[in-house]
């Protein structure tokens, strides 16, 4: 290119650096950046961000952070995409405190975090067990984005953004609810679920949230609440699978409500007898018979076992 009298511009360098990172040629990408500086072709924020993101993706977060500091020294200031890439990089190597520090730094320098920044940071907080911090970030994010976009939230399905550029809040809630549920913090999980439940249509992802909560509530002997969620899921058009009924039955057994468990088992057998295979149906009937025998065993027999 130079031999023909053409000088590469920032766009040319940017395209080349992007290609080199995709080909995992980090060494050459860094040489291209050095060449830019030698040729007095100052990298712009897009090029610096590509470099920082590429370094972070291969685990070289310290080098990426040094590059971000260098770009500031040269008068090119990081934007929200740069900070988000750096936050994600530190999060991927477990340096969540550094991520939070960068978030505060953004605010002090007048660079407002966007939805992606919050989502990335919440993900990393959840991954390291900082659930309260993640919840606080969600509250902060809602204060920033929720009022402005609430009319469009109902049009969001999973991770897709609708034509009116709504922000996909569901994935963030899904992550938090799942983490709170696994941590046994069911009250917090239920509060989050209640916040999001009526704002979105029932999808495969939101149905999975119902089932996960039903399972955890059943195991925690909170069967009444589990049945409330089951009823709400059905009311919204969800179709319960056999596994969901099994979770509820196990929950009833855990609190010694054997009669109710048996009644639910009878209902399942009646509902699914036409659609289940013969072997599955026979298994259910056998299961039900065993329960009947257990329920009506004399107390002295049960106590001796």
Protein backbone atom coordinates (compact mmCIF):
# COMPACT_ATOMS: atom_id res chain seq x y z
CA UNK A 1 0.00 0.00 0.00
CA UNK A 2 2.79 2.40 0.96
CA UNK A 3 4.74 1.39 -2.17
CA UNK A 4 1.88 2.68 -4.31
CA UNK A 5 1.90 6.02 -2.57
CA UNK A 6 -1.07 5.42 -0.29
CA UNK A 7 -0.89 6.04 3.44
CA UNK A 8 -3.08 3.95 5.72
CA UNK A 9 -5.57 5.91 7.77
CA UNK A 10 -7.17 5.14 11.12
CA UNK A 11 -9.94 3.11 9.47
CA UNK A 12 -7.37 0.93 7.67
CA UNK A 13 -5.44 0.32 10.87
CA UNK A 14 -8.64 -0.41 12.77
CA UNK A 15 -9.73 -3.04 10.24
CA UNK A 16 -6.31 -4.68 10.31
CA UNK A 17 -6.16 -4.77 14.12
CA UNK A 18 -9.66 -6.27 14.29
CA UNK A 19 -8.66 -9.00 11.82
CA UNK A 20 -5.45 -9.78 13.69
CA UNK A 21 -7.28 -10.20 16.99
CA UNK A 22 -9.81 -12.51 15.35
CA UNK A 23 -6.88 -14.56 14.03
CA UNK A 24 -5.35 -14.52 17.55
CA UNK A 25 -2.26 -12.66 16.31
CA UNK A 26 -1.85 -10.48 19.35
CA UNK A 27 1.83 -9.85 18.66
CA UNK A 28 1.14 -8.42 15.23
CA UNK A 29 -1.77 -6.32 16.51
CA UNK A 30 0.54 -4.65 19.01
CA UNK A 31 3.10 -4.02 16.26
CA UNK A 32 0.41 -2.36 14.14
CA UNK A 33 -0.46 -0.07 17.06
CA UNK A 34 3.23 0.85 17.45
CA UNK A 35 3.42 1.52 13.72
CA UNK A 36 0.48 3.89 13.97
CA UNK A 37 2.20 5.88 16.68
CA UNK A 38 5.45 5.96 14.66
CA UNK A 39 3.61 7.28 11.61
CA UNK A 40 1.91 10.00 13.64
CA UNK A 41 -1.47 8.42 12.92
CA UNK A 42 -3.03 8.82 16.34
CA UNK A 43 -5.27 5.90 17.26
CA UNK A 44 -8.84 6.94 18.00
CA UNK A 45 -11.04 5.63 20.78
CA UNK A 46 -12.37 2.85 18.54
CA UNK A 47 -8.89 1.47 17.87
CA UNK A 48 -7.84 1.70 21.50
CA UNK A 49 -11.04 -0.02 22.54
CA UNK A 50 -10.49 -2.82 20.03
CA UNK A 51 -7.02 -3.35 21.45
CA UNK A 52 -8.22 -3.27 25.06
CA UNK A 53 -11.09 -5.66 24.34
CA UNK A 54 -8.80 -8.00 22.43
CA UNK A 55 -6.24 -8.07 25.24
CA UNK A 56 -8.96 -8.72 27.82
CA UNK A 57 -10.36 -11.62 25.81
CA UNK A 58 -7.01 -13.41 25.94
CA UNK A 59 -6.63 -12.78 29.67
CA UNK A 60 -4.08 -9.95 29.44
CA UNK A 61 -6.07 -7.57 31.60
CA UNK A 62 -3.09 -5.85 33.16
CA UNK A 63 -1.70 -4.99 29.71
CA UNK A 64 -5.16 -3.82 28.66
CA UNK A 65 -5.43 -1.54 31.69
CA UNK A 66 -1.98 -0.06 31.01
CA UNK A 67 -3.12 0.65 27.46
CA UNK A 68 -6.24 2.40 28.75
CA UNK A 69 -4.10 4.59 30.98
CA UNK A 70 -1.79 5.33 28.05
CA UNK A 71 -4.64 6.40 25.80
CA UNK A 72 -5.71 8.94 28.40
CA UNK A 73 -2.18 10.28 28.62
CA UNK A 74 -2.24 10.80 24.86
CA UNK A 75 -5.49 12.76 25.07
CA UNK A 76 -7.85 10.00 23.88
CA UNK A 77 -10.40 9.36 26.60
CA UNK A 78 -12.14 6.00 27.16
CA UNK A 79 -15.84 5.88 26.36
CA UNK A 80 -18.53 3.63 27.83
CA UNK A 81 -17.58 0.78 25.47
CA UNK A 82 -13.94 0.98 26.55
CA UNK A 83 -14.84 0.91 30.23
CA UNK A 84 -17.30 -1.94 29.72
CA UNK A 85 -14.66 -4.03 27.91
CA UNK A 86 -12.20 -3.37 30.73
CA UNK A 87 -14.78 -4.19 33.42
CA UNK A 88 -15.61 -7.45 31.64
CA UNK A 89 -11.91 -8.26 31.38
CA UNK A 90 -11.26 -7.78 35.09
CA UNK A 91 -14.44 -9.69 35.91
CA UNK A 92 -13.34 -12.67 33.82
CA UNK A 93 -10.19 -13.02 35.93
CA UNK A 94 -12.08 -12.62 39.20
CA UNK A 95 -11.09 -9.02 39.99
CA UNK A 96 -14.61 -7.83 40.74
CA UNK A 97 -13.46 -5.17 43.22
CA UNK A 98 -11.48 -3.60 40.38
CA UNK A 99 -14.63 -3.73 38.24
CA UNK A 100 -16.55 -1.78 40.87
CA UNK A 101 -13.69 0.68 41.13
CA UNK A 102 -13.86 1.28 37.37
CA UNK A 103 -17.61 1.86 37.60
CA UNK A 104 -17.03 4.57 40.22
CA UNK A 105 -14.25 6.01 38.10
CA UNK A 106 -16.59 6.27 35.13
CA UNK A 107 -19.02 8.35 37.12
CA UNK A 108 -16.29 10.65 38.42
CA UNK A 109 -15.10 11.29 34.85
CA UNK A 110 -18.54 11.98 33.45
CA UNK A 111 -18.81 8.73 31.49
CA UNK A 112 -22.21 7.26 32.30
CA UNK A 113 -22.50 3.46 32.32
CA UNK A 114 -25.11 2.00 29.97
CA UNK A 115 -27.27 -1.09 30.30
CA UNK A 116 -24.55 -3.39 28.97
CA UNK A 117 -22.10 -2.09 31.58
CA UNK A 118 -24.54 -2.89 34.37
CA UNK A 119 -25.41 -6.29 32.96
CA UNK A 120 -21.74 -7.28 32.63
CA UNK A 121 -20.97 -6.11 36.15
CA UNK A 122 -24.04 -7.78 37.66
CA UNK A 123 -23.05 -11.03 35.95
CA UNK A 124 -19.60 -10.94 37.50
CA UNK A 125 -20.93 -9.99 40.96
CA UNK A 126 -23.30 -12.96 40.82
CA UNK A 127 -20.53 -15.29 39.65
CA UNK A 128 -18.42 -14.39 42.70
CA UNK A 129 -21.29 -14.52 45.19
CA UNK A 130 -21.64 -10.75 45.69
CA UNK A 131 -25.42 -10.97 45.45
CA UNK A 132 -26.23 -7.94 47.60
CA UNK A 133 -23.87 -5.83 45.49
CA UNK A 134 -25.50 -7.20 42.34
CA UNK A 135 -28.94 -6.30 43.71
CA UNK A 136 -27.75 -2.78 44.50
CA UNK A 137 -26.48 -2.43 40.92
CA UNK A 138 -29.87 -3.54 39.62
CA UNK A 139 -31.57 -0.86 41.74
CA UNK A 140 -29.10 1.71 40.43
CA UNK A 141 -29.71 0.60 36.86
CA UNK A 142 -33.48 0.84 37.28
CA UNK A 143 -33.19 4.41 38.53
CA UNK A 144 -31.23 5.25 35.40
CA UNK A 145 -33.13 3.35 32.73
CA UNK A 146 -36.44 2.00 33.97
CA UNK A 147 -38.55 5.19 33.99
CA UNK A 148 -37.41 6.19 30.51
CA UNK A 149 -37.99 2.80 28.91
CA UNK A 150 -40.84 1.28 30.93
CA UNK A 151 -43.32 1.62 28.07
CA UNK A 152 -41.10 -0.47 25.85
CA UNK A 153 -40.17 -3.16 28.37
CA UNK A 154 -43.25 -5.23 27.66
CA UNK A 155 -42.13 -5.65 24.06
CA UNK A 156 -38.83 -7.23 25.02
CA UNK A 157 -38.52 -10.97 24.56
CA UNK A 158 -35.47 -12.53 26.18
CA UNK A 159 -32.27 -10.97 24.81
CA UNK A 160 -33.84 -9.37 21.72
CA UNK A 161 -34.35 -5.63 21.48
CA UNK A 162 -37.61 -4.49 19.91
CA UNK A 163 -37.97 -1.95 17.17
CA UNK A 164 -38.47 0.89 19.65
CA UNK A 165 -35.01 0.15 21.12
CA UNK A 166 -36.23 -1.16 24.46
CA UNK A 167 -33.60 -2.35 26.90
CA UNK A 168 -33.68 -6.11 27.61
CA UNK A 169 -33.98 -6.16 31.39
CA UNK A 170 -35.22 -9.76 31.63
CA UNK A 171 -31.79 -11.46 31.37
CA UNK A 172 -30.48 -9.46 34.34
CA UNK A 173 -33.45 -10.46 36.48
CA UNK A 174 -33.11 -14.06 35.35
CA UNK A 175 -29.47 -14.18 36.47
CA UNK A 176 -30.21 -12.58 39.84
CA UNK A 177 -33.25 -14.75 40.55
CA UNK A 178 -31.30 -17.87 39.68
CA UNK A 179 -28.38 -16.88 41.93
CA UNK A 180 -30.57 -15.90 44.87
CA UNK A 181 -32.50 -19.16 44.47
CA UNK A 182 -29.33 -21.29 44.43
CA UNK A 183 -28.04 -19.40 47.47
CA UNK A 184 -31.23 -20.23 49.37
CA UNK A 185 -32.31 -16.59 49.55
CA UNK A 186 -35.83 -17.38 48.38
CA UNK A 187 -37.46 -14.22 49.75
CA UNK A 188 -35.16 -12.03 47.66
CA UNK A 189 -35.67 -14.27 44.62
CA UNK A 190 -39.46 -14.06 45.01
CA UNK A 191 -39.35 -10.28 45.37
CA UNK A 192 -37.40 -9.98 42.13
CA UNK A 193 -39.74 -12.41 40.39
CA UNK A 194 -42.76 -10.40 41.51
CA UNK A 195 -41.18 -7.21 40.12
CA UNK A 196 -40.70 -8.71 36.68
CA UNK A 197 -43.59 -11.19 36.50
CA UNK A 198 -46.38 -8.96 35.25
CA UNK A 199 -44.23 -6.83 32.95
CA UNK A 200 -43.40 -9.48 30.37
CA UNK A 201 -45.12 -12.28 28.46
CA UNK A 202 -44.48 -15.86 29.50
CA UNK A 203 -41.53 -17.23 27.54
CA UNK A 204 -39.43 -20.37 27.80
CA UNK A 205 -36.92 -18.47 29.94
CA UNK A 206 -39.51 -17.04 32.34
CA UNK A 207 -41.18 -20.47 32.58
CA UNK A 208 -37.83 -21.90 33.65
CA UNK A 209 -37.68 -19.24 36.37
CA UNK A 210 -41.08 -20.44 37.63
CA UNK A 211 -39.94 -24.07 37.66
CA UNK A 212 -36.67 -23.27 39.41
CA UNK A 213 -38.52 -21.34 42.13
CA UNK A 214 -41.15 -24.09 42.48
CA UNK A 215 -38.38 -26.65 42.96
CA UNK A 216 -36.56 -24.58 45.59
CA UNK A 217 -39.76 -23.70 47.46
CA UNK A 218 -40.83 -27.35 47.49
CA UNK A 219 -37.46 -28.42 48.89
CA UNK A 220 -37.67 -25.68 51.52
CA UNK A 221 -41.13 -26.95 52.59
CA UNK A 222 -42.79 -23.75 51.32
CA UNK A 223 -45.30 -25.78 49.35
CA UNK A 224 -48.18 -23.30 49.52
CA UNK A 225 -46.04 -20.66 47.80
CA UNK A 226 -44.86 -23.25 45.28
CA UNK A 227 -48.49 -24.00 44.38
CA UNK A 228 -49.19 -20.25 44.08
CA UNK A 229 -46.42 -19.93 41.50
CA UNK A 230 -47.63 -23.05 39.70
CA UNK A 231 -51.16 -21.65 39.52
CA UNK A 232 -49.89 -18.29 38.27
CA UNK A 233 -47.76 -19.98 35.59
CA UNK A 234 -50.78 -21.95 34.34
CA UNK A 235 -52.97 -18.84 34.40
CA UNK A 236 -50.46 -17.06 32.17
CA UNK A 237 -50.55 -19.84 29.60
CA UNK A 238 -47.73 -22.05 30.78
CA UNK A 239 -48.05 -25.81 30.39
CA UNK A 240 -46.78 -27.81 33.34
CA UNK A 241 -44.54 -30.78 32.59
CA UNK A 242 -44.54 -34.02 34.53
CA UNK A 243 -41.34 -32.98 36.29
CA UNK A 244 -43.12 -29.94 37.76
CA UNK A 245 -45.82 -32.13 39.26
CA UNK A 246 -43.15 -34.42 40.69
CA UNK A 247 -41.53 -31.41 42.40
CA UNK A 248 -44.86 -30.45 43.97
CA UNK A 249 -45.55 -34.01 45.07
CA UNK A 250 -42.13 -34.25 46.70
CA UNK A 251 -42.82 -30.96 48.46
CA UNK A 252 -46.07 -32.29 49.87
CA UNK A 253 -44.31 -35.44 51.07
CA UNK A 254 -41.63 -33.35 52.77
CA UNK A 255 -44.27 -31.76 54.99
CA UNK A 256 -46.11 -35.07 55.51
CA UNK A 257 -49.15 -34.14 53.43
CA UNK A 258 -49.42 -37.64 52.04
CA UNK A 259 -53.15 -37.46 51.24
CA UNK A 260 -52.66 -34.32 49.12
CA UNK A 261 -49.65 -35.93 47.44
CA UNK A 262 -51.73 -38.98 46.61
CA UNK A 263 -54.57 -36.87 45.26
CA UNK A 264 -52.16 -34.98 43.01
CA UNK A 265 -50.67 -38.29 41.87
CA UNK A 266 -54.17 -39.54 41.00
CA UNK A 267 -54.81 -36.37 39.01
CA UNK A 268 -51.57 -36.79 37.09
CA UNK A 269 -52.41 -40.39 36.20
CA UNK A 270 -55.80 -39.34 34.90
CA UNK A 271 -54.42 -36.43 32.88
CA UNK A 272 -51.51 -38.16 31.25
CA UNK A 273 -52.77 -41.73 30.81
CA UNK A 274 -53.73 -40.99 27.20
CA UNK A 275 -50.42 -39.40 26.24
CA UNK A 276 -47.82 -41.28 28.28
CA UNK A 277 -46.13 -44.43 27.12
CA UNK A 278 -47.35 -47.63 28.76
CA UNK A 279 -44.14 -48.05 30.76
CA UNK A 280 -44.28 -44.50 32.16
CA UNK A 281 -47.94 -44.82 33.05
CA UNK A 282 -47.32 -48.16 34.76
CA UNK A 283 -44.50 -46.58 36.76
CA UNK A 284 -46.80 -43.80 37.96
CA UNK A 285 -49.45 -46.29 39.01
CA UNK A 286 -46.87 -48.37 40.84
CA UNK A 287 -45.62 -45.24 42.59
CA UNK A 288 -49.16 -44.36 43.63
CA UNK A 289 -49.76 -47.86 44.99
CA UNK A 290 -46.61 -47.68 47.10
CA UNK A 291 -47.77 -44.37 48.56
CA UNK A 292 -51.14 -45.87 49.48
CA UNK A 293 -49.45 -48.76 51.22
CA UNK A 294 -47.18 -46.35 53.11
CA UNK A 295 -50.04 -44.06 54.16
CA UNK A 296 -52.14 -46.88 55.57
CA UNK A 297 -49.34 -48.80 57.31
CA UNK A 298 -49.97 -49.09 61.05
CA UNK A 299 -48.03 -46.56 63.08
CA UNK A 300 -46.18 -49.27 64.97
CA UNK A 301 -44.87 -50.68 61.69
CA UNK A 302 -43.68 -47.24 60.53
CA UNK A 303 -42.01 -46.51 63.84
CA UNK A 304 -40.14 -49.81 63.76
CA UNK A 305 -38.58 -49.04 60.36
